[in-house]
C-alpha atoms as a PDB file:
ATOM      1  CA  MET A   1     136.777-180.416 -11.334  1.00  0.00           C
ATOM      2  CA  THR A   2     134.461-182.474  -9.266  1.00  0.00           C
ATOM      3  CA  GLU A   3     133.657-185.989 -10.151  1.00  0.00           C
ATOM      4  CA  PRO A   4     130.279-187.005 -11.629  1.00  0.00           C
ATOM      5  CA  SER A   5     127.864-188.285  -9.249  1.00  0.00           C
ATOM      6  CA  GLN A   6     126.962-191.888  -9.330  1.00  0.00           C
ATOM      7  CA  ALA A   7     123.442-190.792 -10.459  1.00  0.00           C
ATOM      8  CA  HIS A   8     124.654-189.072 -13.467  1.00  0.00           C
ATOM      9  CA  ILE A   9     126.716-191.621 -14.569  1.00  0.00           C
ATOM     10  CA  ASP A  10     123.967-193.995 -14.277  1.00  0.00           C
ATOM     11  CA  ARG A  11     121.611-191.877 -16.439  1.00  0.00           C
ATOM     12  CA  ALA A  12     124.379-190.979 -18.932  1.00  0.00           C
ATOM     13  CA  ARG A  13     124.745-194.773 -19.240  1.00  0.00           C
ATOM     14  CA  GLU A  14     121.067-195.443 -19.524  1.00  0.00           C
ATOM     15  CA  LEU A  15     121.011-192.824 -22.360  1.00  0.00           C
ATOM     16  CA  GLY A  16     124.102-194.418 -24.163  1.00  0.00           C
ATOM     17  CA  LEU A  17     126.357-191.615 -23.717  1.00  0.00           C
ATOM     18  CA  SER A  18     129.984-192.381 -23.624  1.00  0.00           C
ATOM     19  CA  LEU A  19     132.211-190.886 -21.172  1.00  0.00           C
ATOM     20  CA  ASP A  20     135.127-191.148 -18.840  1.00  0.00           C
ATOM     21  CA  PRO A  21     134.292-190.323 -15.269  1.00  0.00           C
ATOM     22  CA  SER A  22     137.774-189.565 -14.444  1.00  0.00           C
ATOM     23  CA  ASP A  23     138.015-186.673 -17.319  1.00  0.00           C
ATOM     24  CA  THR A  24     134.390-185.266 -16.876  1.00  0.00           C
ATOM     25  CA  SER A  25     132.876-182.912 -14.376  1.00  0.00           C
ATOM     26  CA  ASP A  26     129.499-183.478 -12.787  1.00  0.00           C
ATOM     27  CA  GLU A  27     128.583-180.197 -14.161  1.00  0.00           C
ATOM     28  CA  GLU A  28     129.619-181.070 -17.807  1.00  0.00           C
ATOM     29  CA  LEU A  29     127.649-184.324 -17.362  1.00  0.00           C
ATOM     30  CA  SER A  30     124.690-183.139 -15.933  1.00  0.00           C
ATOM     31  CA  ARG A  31     124.465-180.313 -19.040  1.00  0.00           C
ATOM     32  CA  ALA A  32     125.215-183.027 -21.462  1.00  0.00           C
ATOM     33  CA  ILE A  33     122.339-185.082 -20.013  1.00  0.00           C
ATOM     34  CA  ALA A  34     120.031-182.187 -20.245  1.00  0.00           C
ATOM     35  CA  THR A  35     120.812-181.369 -23.497  1.00  0.00           C
ATOM     36  CA  TYR A  36     120.283-185.007 -24.812  1.00  0.00           C
ATOM     37  CA  GLU A  37     116.974-185.029 -23.126  1.00  0.00           C
ATOM     38  CA  ARG A  38     115.856-181.734 -24.714  1.00  0.00           C
ATOM     39  CA  VAL A  39     116.940-182.646 -28.128  1.00  0.00           C
ATOM     40  CA  TYR A  40     115.411-186.144 -27.816  1.00  0.00           C
ATOM     41  CA  ILE A  41     111.823-184.632 -26.639  1.00  0.00           C
ATOM     42  CA  GLU A  42     112.176-181.926 -29.419  1.00  0.00           C
ATOM     43  CA  SER A  43     112.667-184.556 -32.121  1.00  0.00           C
ATOM     44  CA  MET A  44     109.897-186.810 -30.758  1.00  0.00           C
ATOM     45  CA  VAL A  45     107.651-183.634 -30.608  1.00  0.00           C
ATOM     46  CA  GLU A  46     108.741-182.796 -34.425  1.00  0.00           C
ATOM     47  CA  LYS A  47     108.128-186.411 -35.452  1.00  0.00           C
ATOM     48  CA  ARG A  48     104.847-186.472 -33.843  1.00  0.00           C
ATOM     49  CA  SER A  49     103.582-183.583 -35.749  1.00  0.00           C
ATOM     50  CA  VAL A  50     104.679-184.947 -39.137  1.00  0.00           C
ATOM     51  CA  GLU A  51     102.825-188.279 -38.494  1.00  0.00           C
ATOM     52  CA  PRO A  52      99.247-188.576 -39.684  1.00  0.00           C
ATOM     53  CA  SER A  53      96.708-188.512 -36.745  1.00  0.00           C
ATOM     54  CA  GLU A  54      95.237-191.904 -35.247  1.00  0.00           C
ATOM     55  CA  ARG A  55      91.999-191.140 -36.783  1.00  0.00           C
ATOM     56  CA  ARG A  56      93.403-190.476 -40.360  1.00  0.00           C
ATOM     57  CA  ARG A  57      95.337-194.020 -39.803  1.00  0.00           C
ATOM     58  CA  MET A  58      92.159-195.626 -38.627  1.00  0.00           C
ATOM     59  CA  PHE A  59      89.779-194.169 -41.154  1.00  0.00           C
ATOM     60  CA  GLY A  60      91.825-193.378 -44.199  1.00  0.00           C
ATOM     61  CA  PRO A  61      92.430-190.284 -46.177  1.00  0.00           C
ATOM     62  CA  THR A  62      88.903-189.423 -46.618  1.00  0.00           C
ATOM     63  CA  SER A  63      87.957-189.166 -42.757  1.00  0.00           C
ATOM     64  CA  ILE A  64      86.739-186.218 -40.900  1.00  0.00           C
ATOM     65  CA  ASP A  65      90.144-185.132 -40.271  1.00  0.00           C
ATOM     66  CA  ASP A  66      90.702-184.240 -43.889  1.00  0.00           C
ATOM     67  CA  VAL A  67      87.649-182.087 -43.878  1.00  0.00           C
ATOM     68  CA  ARG A  68      88.674-180.177 -40.757  1.00  0.00           C
ATOM     69  CA  ASN A  69      92.436-180.277 -41.614  1.00  0.00           C
ATOM     70  CA  PRO A  70      93.052-180.230 -45.209  1.00  0.00           C
ATOM     71  CA  GLY A  71      96.694-181.134 -46.318  1.00  0.00           C
END
């Protein structure tokens, strides 16, 4: 088992992941970071698709967005 690189340790700490560097391999930590980032991006995309458009927020529910995209 290879010790995780300092770059991976720093990135994990930036993301708020808890880890024991002596008990985690570089590959495991790399996969955990990639999974966290992928899930985070997917949740942001999903959240964004649910939120009303900027135009709808600015002009209200009777904006041209509602005519083009009802519902």
